[in-house]
Amino acid sequence: AIKPHLFDIASIEVAAFHESFGDCSAILSNLQLRSFRQAVLAETGG
């Protein structure tokens, strides 16, 4: 939606960044749940 040019770009690194953005999306979206944030802080000790 924000960078449609990347969809068809012939570049290994651009394709890999698309996958990384997906993983970053999962990480950041999960942190929207208060119970999950509390669980992660307890698991990692901060």
ModelCIF file with pLDDT and N, C-alpha, C, O atoms, coordinates in Angstrom:
data_MODEL
#
_entry.id   MODEL 
#
_entity.id                         1 
_entity.type                       polymer 
_entity.pdbx_number_of_molecules   1 
#
_entity_poly.entity_id                      1 
_entity_poly.type                           'polypeptide(L)' 
_entity_poly.nstd_linkage                   no 
_entity_poly.nstd_monomer                   no 
_entity_poly.pdbx_seq_one_letter_code       AIKPHLFDIASIEVAAFHESFGDCSAILSNLQLRSFRQAVLAETGG 
_entity_poly.pdbx_seq_one_letter_code_can   AIKPHLFDIASIEVAAFHESFGDCSAILSNLQLRSFRQAVLAETGG 
_entity_poly.pdbx_strand_id                 A 
#
loop_
_entity_poly_seq.entity_id 
_entity_poly_seq.num 
_entity_poly_seq.mon_id 
_entity_poly_seq.hetero 
1 1  ALA n 
1 2  ILE n 
1 3  LYS n 
1 4  PRO n 
1 5  HIS n 
1 6  LEU n 
1 7  PHE n 
1 8  ASP n 
1 9  ILE n 
1 10 ALA n 
1 11 SER n 
1 12 ILE n 
1 13 GLU n 
1 14 VAL n 
1 15 ALA n 
1 16 ALA n 
1 17 PHE n 
1 18 HIS n 
1 19 GLU n 
1 20 SER n 
1 21 PHE n 
1 22 GLY n 
1 23 ASP n 
1 24 CYS n 
1 25 SER n 
1 26 ALA n 
1 27 ILE n 
1 28 LEU n 
1 29 SER n 
1 30 ASN n 
1 31 LEU n 
1 32 GLN n 
1 33 LEU n 
1 34 ARG n 
1 35 SER n 
1 36 PHE n 
1 37 ARG n 
1 38 GLN n 
1 39 ALA n 
1 40 VAL n 
1 41 LEU n 
1 42 ALA n 
1 43 GLU n 
1 44 THR n 
1 45 GLY n 
1 46 GLY n 
#
_struct_asym.id          A 
_struct_asym.entity_id   1 
#
loop_
_ma_qa_metric.id 
_ma_qa_metric.mode 
_ma_qa_metric.name 
_ma_qa_metric.software_group_id 
_ma_qa_metric.type 
1 global pLDDT . pLDDT 
2 local  pLDDT . pLDDT 
#
_ma_qa_metric_global.metric_id      1 
_ma_qa_metric_global.metric_value   97.15 
_ma_qa_metric_global.model_id       1 
_ma_qa_metric_global.ordinal_id     1 
#
loop_
_ma_qa_metric_local.label_asym_id 
_ma_qa_metric_local.label_comp_id 
_ma_qa_metric_local.label_seq_id 
_ma_qa_metric_local.metric_id 
_ma_qa_metric_local.metric_value 
_ma_qa_metric_local.model_id 
_ma_qa_metric_local.ordinal_id 
A ALA 1  2 98.00 1 1  
A ILE 2  2 97.00 1 2  
A LYS 3  2 97.00 1 3  
A PRO 4  2 96.00 1 4  
A HIS 5  2 94.00 1 5  
A LEU 6  2 97.00 1 6  
A PHE 7  2 97.00 1 7  
A ASP 8  2 96.00 1 8  
A ILE 9  2 97.00 1 9  
A ALA 10 2 98.00 1 10 
A SER 11 2 97.00 1 11 
A ILE 12 2 97.00 1 12 
A GLU 13 2 98.00 1 13 
A VAL 14 2 98.00 1 14 
A ALA 15 2 98.00 1 15 
A ALA 16 2 98.00 1 16 
A PHE 17 2 98.00 1 17 
A HIS 18 2 98.00 1 18 
A GLU 19 2 98.00 1 19 
A SER 20 2 98.00 1 20 
A PHE 21 2 98.00 1 21 
A GLY 22 2 98.00 1 22 
A ASP 23 2 98.00 1 23 
A CYS 24 2 98.00 1 24 
A SER 25 2 98.00 1 25 
A ALA 26 2 98.00 1 26 
A ILE 27 2 98.00 1 27 
A LEU 28 2 98.00 1 28 
A SER 29 2 98.00 1 29 
A ASN 30 2 98.00 1 30 
A LEU 31 2 98.00 1 31 
A GLN 32 2 97.00 1 32 
A LEU 33 2 97.00 1 33 
A ARG 34 2 97.00 1 34 
A SER 35 2 96.00 1 35 
A PHE 36 2 97.00 1 36 
A ARG 37 2 98.00 1 37 
A GLN 38 2 97.00 1 38 
A ALA 39 2 95.00 1 39 
A VAL 40 2 97.00 1 40 
A LEU 41 2 97.00 1 41 
A ALA 42 2 96.00 1 42 
A GLU 43 2 95.00 1 43 
A THR 44 2 96.00 1 44 
A GLY 45 2 96.00 1 45 
A GLY 46 2 95.00 1 46 
#
loop_
_atom_site.group_PDB 
_atom_site.id 
_atom_site.type_symbol 
_atom_site.label_atom_id 
_atom_site.label_alt_id 
_atom_site.label_comp_id 
_atom_site.label_asym_id 
_atom_site.label_entity_id 
_atom_site.label_seq_id 
_atom_site.pdbx_PDB_ins_code 
_atom_site.Cartn_x 
_atom_site.Cartn_y 
_atom_site.Cartn_z 
_atom_site.occupancy 
_atom_site.B_iso_or_equiv 
_atom_site.pdbx_formal_charge 
_atom_site.auth_seq_id 
_atom_site.auth_comp_id 
_atom_site.auth_asym_id 
_atom_site.auth_atom_id 
_atom_site.pdbx_PDB_model_num 
ATOM 1   N N  . ALA A 1 1  ? 0.820  -1.210  0.000   1.00 98.00 ? 1  ALA A N  1 
ATOM 2   C CA . ALA A 1 1  ? 0.000  0.000   0.000   1.00 98.00 ? 1  ALA A CA 1 
ATOM 3   C C  . ALA A 1 1  ? 0.854  1.261   0.000   1.00 98.00 ? 1  ALA A C  1 
ATOM 4   O O  . ALA A 1 1  ? 0.515  2.242   -0.661  1.00 98.00 ? 1  ALA A O  1 
ATOM 5   N N  . ILE A 1 2  ? 1.962  1.239   0.739   1.00 97.00 ? 2  ILE A N  1 
ATOM 6   C CA . ILE A 1 2  ? 2.771  2.464   0.863   1.00 97.00 ? 2  ILE A CA 1 
ATOM 7   C C  . ILE A 1 2  ? 3.925  2.505   -0.133  1.00 97.00 ? 2  ILE A C  1 
ATOM 8   O O  . ILE A 1 2  ? 4.479  3.573   -0.393  1.00 97.00 ? 2  ILE A O  1 
ATOM 9   N N  . LYS A 1 3  ? 4.292  1.351   -0.694  1.00 97.00 ? 3  LYS A N  1 
ATOM 10  C CA . LYS A 1 3  ? 5.423  1.305   -1.628  1.00 97.00 ? 3  LYS A CA 1 
ATOM 11  C C  . LYS A 1 3  ? 5.129  0.258   -2.703  1.00 97.00 ? 3  LYS A C  1 
ATOM 12  O O  . LYS A 1 3  ? 5.827  -0.753  -2.780  1.00 97.00 ? 3  LYS A O  1 
ATOM 13  N N  . PRO A 1 4  ? 4.103  0.486   -3.539  1.00 96.00 ? 4  PRO A N  1 
ATOM 14  C CA . PRO A 1 4  ? 3.710  -0.540  -4.525  1.00 96.00 ? 4  PRO A CA 1 
ATOM 15  C C  . PRO A 1 4  ? 4.789  -0.862  -5.542  1.00 96.00 ? 4  PRO A C  1 
ATOM 16  O O  . PRO A 1 4  ? 4.762  -1.933  -6.148  1.00 96.00 ? 4  PRO A O  1 
ATOM 17  N N  . HIS A 1 5  ? 5.754  0.059   -5.745  1.00 94.00 ? 5  HIS A N  1 
ATOM 18  C CA . HIS A 1 5  ? 6.829  -0.205  -6.699  1.00 94.00 ? 5  HIS A CA 1 
ATOM 19  C C  . HIS A 1 5  ? 7.604  -1.472  -6.340  1.00 94.00 ? 5  HIS A C  1 
ATOM 20  O O  . HIS A 1 5  ? 8.140  -2.141  -7.223  1.00 94.00 ? 5  HIS A O  1 
ATOM 21  N N  . LEU A 1 6  ? 7.665  -1.802  -5.053  1.00 97.00 ? 6  LEU A N  1 
ATOM 22  C CA . LEU A 1 6  ? 8.505  -2.926  -4.628  1.00 97.00 ? 6  LEU A CA 1 
ATOM 23  C C  . LEU A 1 6  ? 7.970  -4.267  -5.104  1.00 97.00 ? 6  LEU A C  1 
ATOM 24  O O  . LEU A 1 6  ? 8.720  -5.240  -5.167  1.00 97.00 ? 6  LEU A O  1 
ATOM 25  N N  . PHE A 1 7  ? 6.697  -4.335  -5.438  1.00 97.00 ? 7  PHE A N  1 
ATOM 26  C CA . PHE A 1 7  ? 6.060  -5.620  -5.742  1.00 97.00 ? 7  PHE A CA 1 
ATOM 27  C C  . PHE A 1 7  ? 6.749  -6.342  -6.893  1.00 97.00 ? 7  PHE A C  1 
ATOM 28  O O  . PHE A 1 7  ? 7.003  -7.543  -6.805  1.00 97.00 ? 7  PHE A O  1 
ATOM 29  N N  . ASP A 1 8  ? 7.050  -5.630  -7.961  1.00 96.00 ? 8  ASP A N  1 
ATOM 30  C CA . ASP A 1 8  ? 7.592  -6.265  -9.174  1.00 96.00 ? 8  ASP A CA 1 
ATOM 31  C C  . ASP A 1 8  ? 9.088  -6.056  -9.360  1.00 96.00 ? 8  ASP A C  1 
ATOM 32  O O  . ASP A 1 8  ? 9.640  -6.476  -10.377 1.00 96.00 ? 8  ASP A O  1 
ATOM 33  N N  . ILE A 1 9  ? 9.758  -5.417  -8.405  1.00 97.00 ? 9  ILE A N  1 
ATOM 34  C CA . ILE A 1 9  ? 11.176 -5.116  -8.585  1.00 97.00 ? 9  ILE A CA 1 
ATOM 35  C C  . ILE A 1 9  ? 12.007 -6.405  -8.640  1.00 97.00 ? 9  ILE A C  1 
ATOM 36  O O  . ILE A 1 9  ? 11.858 -7.293  -7.801  1.00 97.00 ? 9  ILE A O  1 
ATOM 37  N N  . ALA A 1 10 ? 12.878 -6.482  -9.640  1.00 98.00 ? 10 ALA A N  1 
ATOM 38  C CA . ALA A 1 10 ? 13.767 -7.638  -9.798  1.00 98.00 ? 10 ALA A CA 1 
ATOM 39  C C  . ALA A 1 10 ? 15.022 -7.406  -8.968  1.00 98.00 ? 10 ALA A C  1 
ATOM 40  O O  . ALA A 1 10 ? 16.030 -6.920  -9.480  1.00 98.00 ? 10 ALA A O  1 
ATOM 41  N N  . SER A 1 11 ? 14.960 -7.752  -7.694  1.00 97.00 ? 11 SER A N  1 
ATOM 42  C CA . SER A 1 11 ? 16.070 -7.568  -6.773  1.00 97.00 ? 11 SER A CA 1 
ATOM 43  C C  . SER A 1 11 ? 15.909 -8.542  -5.624  1.00 97.00 ? 11 SER A C  1 
ATOM 44  O O  . SER A 1 11 ? 14.862 -8.571  -4.976  1.00 97.00 ? 11 SER A O  1 
ATOM 45  N N  . ILE A 1 12 ? 16.936 -9.341  -5.362  1.00 97.00 ? 12 ILE A N  1 
ATOM 46  C CA . ILE A 1 12 ? 16.892 -10.278 -4.246  1.00 97.00 ? 12 ILE A CA 1 
ATOM 47  C C  . ILE A 1 12 ? 16.693 -9.525  -2.939  1.00 97.00 ? 12 ILE A C  1 
ATOM 48  O O  . ILE A 1 12 ? 15.904 -9.945  -2.092  1.00 97.00 ? 12 ILE A O  1 
ATOM 49  N N  . GLU A 1 13 ? 17.408 -8.411  -2.770  1.00 98.00 ? 13 GLU A N  1 
ATOM 50  C CA . GLU A 1 13 ? 17.349 -7.688  -1.508  1.00 98.00 ? 13 GLU A CA 1 
ATOM 51  C C  . GLU A 1 13 ? 15.995 -7.031  -1.288  1.00 98.00 ? 13 GLU A C  1 
ATOM 52  O O  . GLU A 1 13 ? 15.496 -7.009  -0.162  1.00 98.00 ? 13 GLU A O  1 
ATOM 53  N N  . VAL A 1 14 ? 15.396 -6.498  -2.336  1.00 98.00 ? 14 VAL A N  1 
ATOM 54  C CA . VAL A 1 14 ? 14.069 -5.905  -2.206  1.00 98.00 ? 14 VAL A CA 1 
ATOM 55  C C  . VAL A 1 14 ? 13.049 -6.975  -1.834  1.00 98.00 ? 14 VAL A C  1 
ATOM 56  O O  . VAL A 1 14 ? 12.200 -6.745  -0.974  1.00 98.00 ? 14 VAL A O  1 
ATOM 57  N N  . ALA A 1 15 ? 13.123 -8.143  -2.471  1.00 98.00 ? 15 ALA A N  1 
ATOM 58  C CA . ALA A 1 15 ? 12.201 -9.232  -2.142  1.00 98.00 ? 15 ALA A CA 1 
ATOM 59  C C  . ALA A 1 15 ? 12.385 -9.671  -0.693  1.00 98.00 ? 15 ALA A C  1 
ATOM 60  O O  . ALA A 1 15 ? 11.408 -9.932  0.008   1.00 98.00 ? 15 ALA A O  1 
ATOM 61  N N  . ALA A 1 16 ? 13.638 -9.752  -0.246  1.00 98.00 ? 16 ALA A N  1 
ATOM 62  C CA . ALA A 1 16 ? 13.910 -10.141 1.138   1.00 98.00 ? 16 ALA A CA 1 
ATOM 63  C C  . ALA A 1 16 ? 13.388 -9.094  2.111   1.00 98.00 ? 16 ALA A C  1 
ATOM 64  O O  . ALA A 1 16 ? 12.879 -9.436  3.178   1.00 98.00 ? 16 ALA A O  1 
ATOM 65  N N  . PHE A 1 17 ? 13.512 -7.819  1.748   1.00 98.00 ? 17 PHE A N  1 
ATOM 66  C CA . PHE A 1 17 ? 12.978 -6.778  2.633   1.00 98.00 ? 17 PHE A CA 1 
ATOM 67  C C  . PHE A 1 17 ? 11.472 -6.915  2.781   1.00 98.00 ? 17 PHE A C  1 
ATOM 68  O O  . PHE A 1 17 ? 10.939 -6.705  3.870   1.00 98.00 ? 17 PHE A O  1 
ATOM 69  N N  . HIS A 1 18 ? 10.781 -7.262  1.711   1.00 98.00 ? 18 HIS A N  1 
ATOM 70  C CA . HIS A 1 18 ? 9.330  -7.461  1.790   1.00 98.00 ? 18 HIS A CA 1 
ATOM 71  C C  . HIS A 1 18 ? 9.003  -8.528  2.832   1.00 98.00 ? 18 HIS A C  1 
ATOM 72  O O  . HIS A 1 18 ? 8.073  -8.372  3.624   1.00 98.00 ? 18 HIS A O  1 
ATOM 73  N N  . GLU A 1 19 ? 9.783  -9.619  2.820   1.00 98.00 ? 19 GLU A N  1 
ATOM 74  C CA . GLU A 1 19 ? 9.558  -10.679 3.806   1.00 98.00 ? 19 GLU A CA 1 
ATOM 75  C C  . GLU A 1 19 ? 9.887  -10.201 5.216   1.00 98.00 ? 19 GLU A C  1 
ATOM 76  O O  . GLU A 1 19 ? 9.176  -10.533 6.164   1.00 98.00 ? 19 GLU A O  1 
ATOM 77  N N  . SER A 1 20 ? 10.947 -9.433  5.360   1.00 98.00 ? 20 SER A N  1 
ATOM 78  C CA . SER A 1 20 ? 11.306 -8.913  6.668   1.00 98.00 ? 20 SER A CA 1 
ATOM 79  C C  . SER A 1 20 ? 10.230 -7.971  7.196   1.00 98.00 ? 20 SER A C  1 
ATOM 80  O O  . SER A 1 20 ? 9.892  -8.016  8.379   1.00 98.00 ? 20 SER A O  1 
ATOM 81  N N  . PHE A 1 21 ? 9.694  -7.127  6.333   1.00 98.00 ? 21 PHE A N  1 
ATOM 82  C CA . PHE A 1 21 ? 8.624  -6.224  6.764   1.00 98.00 ? 21 PHE A CA 1 
ATOM 83  C C  . PHE A 1 21 ? 7.446  -7.026  7.294   1.00 98.00 ? 21 PHE A C  1 
ATOM 84  O O  . PHE A 1 21 ? 6.808  -6.625  8.268   1.00 98.00 ? 21 PHE A O  1 
ATOM 85  N N  . GLY A 1 22 ? 7.150  -8.168  6.653   1.00 98.00 ? 22 GLY A N  1 
ATOM 86  C CA . GLY A 1 22 ? 6.081  -9.025  7.146   1.00 98.00 ? 22 GLY A CA 1 
ATOM 87  C C  . GLY A 1 22 ? 6.362  -9.527  8.549   1.00 98.00 ? 22 GLY A C  1 
ATOM 88  O O  . GLY A 1 22 ? 5.467  -9.539  9.393   1.00 98.00 ? 22 GLY A O  1 
ATOM 89  N N  . ASP A 1 23 ? 7.601  -9.945  8.810   1.00 98.00 ? 23 ASP A N  1 
ATOM 90  C CA . ASP A 1 23 ? 7.955  -10.410 10.154  1.00 98.00 ? 23 ASP A CA 1 
ATOM 91  C C  . ASP A 1 23 ? 7.922  -9.266  11.164  1.00 98.00 ? 23 ASP A C  1 
ATOM 92  O O  . ASP A 1 23 ? 7.493  -9.452  12.302  1.00 98.00 ? 23 ASP A O  1 
ATOM 93  N N  . CYS A 1 24 ? 8.375  -8.087  10.749  1.00 98.00 ? 24 CYS A N  1 
ATOM 94  C CA . CYS A 1 24 ? 8.291  -6.917  11.636  1.00 98.00 ? 24 CYS A CA 1 
ATOM 95  C C  . CYS A 1 24 ? 6.832  -6.599  11.946  1.00 98.00 ? 24 CYS A C  1 
ATOM 96  O O  . CYS A 1 24 ? 6.503  -6.211  13.067  1.00 98.00 ? 24 CYS A O  1 
ATOM 97  N N  . SER A 1 25 ? 5.962  -6.762  10.960  1.00 98.00 ? 25 SER A N  1 
ATOM 98  C CA . SER A 1 25 ? 4.537  -6.531  11.164  1.00 98.00 ? 25 SER A CA 1 
ATOM 99  C C  . SER A 1 25 ? 3.981  -7.475  12.216  1.00 98.00 ? 25 SER A C  1 
ATOM 100 O O  . SER A 1 25 ? 3.194  -7.058  13.066  1.00 98.00 ? 25 SER A O  1 
ATOM 101 N N  . ALA A 1 26 ? 4.379  -8.744  12.171  1.00 98.00 ? 26 ALA A N  1 
ATOM 102 C CA . ALA A 1 26 ? 3.911  -9.714  13.161  1.00 98.00 ? 26 ALA A CA 1 
ATOM 103 C C  . ALA A 1 26 ? 4.377  -9.319  14.561  1.00 98.00 ? 26 ALA A C  1 
ATOM 104 O O  . ALA A 1 26 ? 3.596  -9.352  15.513  1.00 98.00 ? 26 ALA A O  1 
ATOM 105 N N  . ILE A 1 27 ? 5.633  -8.951  14.682  1.00 98.00 ? 27 ILE A N  1 
ATOM 106 C CA . ILE A 1 27 ? 6.199  -8.574  15.986  1.00 98.00 ? 27 ILE A CA 1 
ATOM 107 C C  . ILE A 1 27 ? 5.482  -7.357  16.557  1.00 98.00 ? 27 ILE A C  1 
ATOM 108 O O  . ILE A 1 27 ? 5.082  -7.365  17.722  1.00 98.00 ? 27 ILE A O  1 
ATOM 109 N N  . LEU A 1 28 ? 5.316  -6.322  15.759  1.00 98.00 ? 28 LEU A N  1 
ATOM 110 C CA . LEU A 1 28 ? 4.715  -5.081  16.242  1.00 98.00 ? 28 LEU A CA 1 
ATOM 111 C C  . LEU A 1 28 ? 3.221  -5.239  16.508  1.00 98.00 ? 28 LEU A C  1 
ATOM 112 O O  . LEU A 1 28 ? 2.699  -4.656  17.458  1.00 98.00 ? 28 LEU A O  1 
ATOM 113 N N  . SER A 1 29 ? 2.532  -6.015  15.685  1.00 98.00 ? 29 SER A N  1 
ATOM 114 C CA . SER A 1 29 ? 1.098  -6.227  15.886  1.00 98.00 ? 29 SER A CA 1 
ATOM 115 C C  . SER A 1 29 ? 0.827  -7.014  17.154  1.00 98.00 ? 29 SER A C  1 
ATOM 116 O O  . SER A 1 29 ? -0.124 -6.711  17.875  1.00 98.00 ? 29 SER A O  1 
ATOM 117 N N  . ASN A 1 30 ? 1.647  -8.023  17.440  1.00 98.00 ? 30 ASN A N  1 
ATOM 118 C CA . ASN A 1 30 ? 1.465  -8.797  18.670  1.00 98.00 ? 30 ASN A CA 1 
ATOM 119 C C  . ASN A 1 30 ? 1.623  -7.927  19.909  1.00 98.00 ? 30 ASN A C  1 
ATOM 120 O O  . ASN A 1 30 ? 0.965  -8.160  20.923  1.00 98.00 ? 30 ASN A O  1 
ATOM 121 N N  . LEU A 1 31 ? 2.488  -6.933  19.832  1.00 98.00 ? 31 LEU A N  1 
ATOM 122 C CA . LEU A 1 31 ? 2.740  -6.061  20.975  1.00 98.00 ? 31 LEU A CA 1 
ATOM 123 C C  . LEU A 1 31 ? 1.579  -5.110  21.265  1.00 98.00 ? 31 LEU A C  1 
ATOM 124 O O  . LEU A 1 31 ? 1.646  -4.332  22.217  1.00 98.00 ? 31 LEU A O  1 
ATOM 125 N N  . GLN A 1 32 ? 0.528  -5.159  20.465  1.00 97.00 ? 32 GLN A N  1 
ATOM 126 C CA . GLN A 1 32 ? -0.635 -4.323  20.743  1.00 97.00 ? 32 GLN A CA 1 
ATOM 127 C C  . GLN A 1 32 ? -1.504 -4.900  21.852  1.00 97.00 ? 32 GLN A C  1 
ATOM 128 O O  . GLN A 1 32 ? -2.375 -4.202  22.370  1.00 97.00 ? 32 GLN A O  1 
ATOM 129 N N  . LEU A 1 33 ? -1.289 -6.154  22.226  1.00 97.00 ? 33 LEU A N  1 
ATOM 130 C CA . LEU A 1 33 ? -2.052 -6.775  23.307  1.00 97.00 ? 33 LEU A CA 1 
ATOM 131 C C  . LEU A 1 33 ? -1.325 -6.571  24.635  1.00 97.00 ? 33 LEU A C  1 
ATOM 132 O O  . LEU A 1 33 ? -0.162 -6.947  24.782  1.00 97.00 ? 33 LEU A O  1 
ATOM 133 N N  . ARG A 1 34 ? -2.017 -5.978  25.590  1.00 97.00 ? 34 ARG A N  1 
ATOM 134 C CA . ARG A 1 34 ? -1.411 -5.711  26.889  1.00 97.00 ? 34 ARG A CA 1 
ATOM 135 C C  . ARG A 1 34 ? -0.969 -6.999  27.574  1.00 97.00 ? 34 ARG A C  1 
ATOM 136 O O  . ARG A 1 34 ? 0.113  -7.049  28.160  1.00 97.00 ? 34 ARG A O  1 
ATOM 137 N N  . SER A 1 35 ? -1.794 -8.038  27.505  1.00 96.00 ? 35 SER A N  1 
ATOM 138 C CA . SER A 1 35 ? -1.441 -9.307  28.150  1.00 96.00 ? 35 SER A CA 1 
ATOM 139 C C  . SER A 1 35 ? -0.180 -9.905  27.544  1.00 96.00 ? 35 SER A C  1 
ATOM 140 O O  . SER A 1 35 ? 0.623  -10.521 28.244  1.00 96.00 ? 35 SER A O  1 
ATOM 141 N N  . PHE A 1 36 ? -0.012 -9.719  26.236  1.00 97.00 ? 36 PHE A N  1 
ATOM 142 C CA . PHE A 1 36 ? 1.183  -10.245 25.578  1.00 97.00 ? 36 PHE A CA 1 
ATOM 143 C C  . PHE A 1 36 ? 2.420  -9.459  25.988  1.00 97.00 ? 36 PHE A C  1 
ATOM 144 O O  . PHE A 1 36 ? 3.475  -10.045 26.232  1.00 97.00 ? 36 PHE A O  1 
ATOM 145 N N  . ARG A 1 37 ? 2.299  -8.145  26.065  1.00 98.00 ? 37 ARG A N  1 
ATOM 146 C CA . ARG A 1 37 ? 3.439  -7.339  26.512  1.00 98.00 ? 37 ARG A CA 1 
ATOM 147 C C  . ARG A 1 37 ? 3.870  -7.746  27.915  1.00 98.00 ? 37 ARG A C  1 
ATOM 148 O O  . ARG A 1 37 ? 5.063  -7.859  28.196  1.00 98.00 ? 37 ARG A O  1 
ATOM 149 N N  . GLN A 1 38 ? 2.907  -7.964  28.784  1.00 97.00 ? 38 GLN A N  1 
ATOM 150 C CA . GLN A 1 38 ? 3.223  -8.384  30.146  1.00 97.00 ? 38 GLN A CA 1 
ATOM 151 C C  . GLN A 1 38 ? 3.925  -9.736  30.152  1.00 97.00 ? 38 GLN A C  1 
ATOM 152 O O  . GLN A 1 38 ? 4.879  -9.944  30.902  1.00 97.00 ? 38 GLN A O  1 
ATOM 153 N N  . ALA A 1 39 ? 3.447  -10.659 29.308  1.00 95.00 ? 39 ALA A N  1 
ATOM 154 C CA . ALA A 1 39 ? 4.050  -11.995 29.257  1.00 95.00 ? 39 ALA A CA 1 
ATOM 155 C C  . ALA A 1 39 ? 5.485  -11.933 28.753  1.00 95.00 ? 39 ALA A C  1 
ATOM 156 O O  . ALA A 1 39 ? 6.355  -12.629 29.278  1.00 95.00 ? 39 ALA A O  1 
ATOM 157 N N  . VAL A 1 40 ? 5.743  -11.114 27.750  1.00 97.00 ? 40 VAL A N  1 
ATOM 158 C CA . VAL A 1 40 ? 7.088  -10.999 27.191  1.00 97.00 ? 40 VAL A CA 1 
ATOM 159 C C  . VAL A 1 40 ? 8.037  -10.368 28.208  1.00 97.00 ? 40 VAL A C  1 
ATOM 160 O O  . VAL A 1 40 ? 9.172  -10.820 28.357  1.00 97.00 ? 40 VAL A O  1 
ATOM 161 N N  . LEU A 1 41 ? 7.587  -9.340  28.898  1.00 97.00 ? 41 LEU A N  1 
ATOM 162 C CA . LEU A 1 41 ? 8.436  -8.713  29.916  1.00 97.00 ? 41 LEU A CA 1 
ATOM 163 C C  . LEU A 1 41 ? 8.765  -9.693  31.039  1.00 97.00 ? 41 LEU A C  1 
ATOM 164 O O  . LEU A 1 41 ? 9.888  -9.715  31.541  1.00 97.00 ? 41 LEU A O  1 
ATOM 165 N N  . ALA A 1 42 ? 7.782  -10.500 31.430  1.00 96.00 ? 42 ALA A N  1 
ATOM 166 C CA . ALA A 1 42 ? 8.041  -11.500 32.469  1.00 96.00 ? 42 ALA A CA 1 
ATOM 167 C C  . ALA A 1 42 ? 9.023  -12.551 31.984  1.00 96.00 ? 42 ALA A C  1 
ATOM 168 O O  . ALA A 1 42 ? 9.882  -12.999 32.742  1.00 96.00 ? 42 ALA A O  1 
ATOM 169 N N  . GLU A 1 43 ? 8.900  -12.945 30.730  1.00 95.00 ? 43 GLU A N  1 
ATOM 170 C CA . GLU A 1 43 ? 9.783  -13.983 30.175  1.00 95.00 ? 43 GLU A CA 1 
ATOM 171 C C  . GLU A 1 43 ? 11.212 -13.479 30.029  1.00 95.00 ? 43 GLU A C  1 
ATOM 172 O O  . GLU A 1 43 ? 12.155 -14.231 30.273  1.00 95.00 ? 43 GLU A O  1 
ATOM 173 N N  . THR A 1 44 ? 11.390 -12.241 29.641  1.00 96.00 ? 44 THR A N  1 
ATOM 174 C CA . THR A 1 44 ? 12.729 -11.713 29.339  1.00 96.00 ? 44 THR A CA 1 
ATOM 175 C C  . THR A 1 44 ? 13.335 -10.918 30.486  1.00 96.00 ? 44 THR A C  1 
ATOM 176 O O  . THR A 1 44 ? 14.513 -10.565 30.429  1.00 96.00 ? 44 THR A O  1 
ATOM 177 N N  . GLY A 1 45 ? 12.565 -10.631 31.516  1.00 96.00 ? 45 GLY A N  1 
ATOM 178 C CA . GLY A 1 45 ? 13.066 -9.763  32.573  1.00 96.00 ? 45 GLY A CA 1 
ATOM 179 C C  . GLY A 1 45 ? 13.335 -8.352  32.093  1.00 96.00 ? 45 GLY A C  1 
ATOM 180 O O  . GLY A 1 45 ? 14.144 -7.634  32.682  1.00 96.00 ? 45 GLY A O  1 
ATOM 181 N N  . GLY A 1 46 ? 12.659 -7.950  31.024  1.00 95.00 ? 46 GLY A N  1 
ATOM 182 C CA . GLY A 1 46 ? 12.845 -6.609  30.480  1.00 95.00 ? 46 GLY A CA 1 
ATOM 183 C C  . GLY A 1 46 ? 13.971 -6.488  29.480  1.00 95.00 ? 46 GLY A C  1 
ATOM 184 O O  . GLY A 1 46 ? 14.218 -5.401  28.957  1.00 95.00 ? 46 GLY A O  1 
#
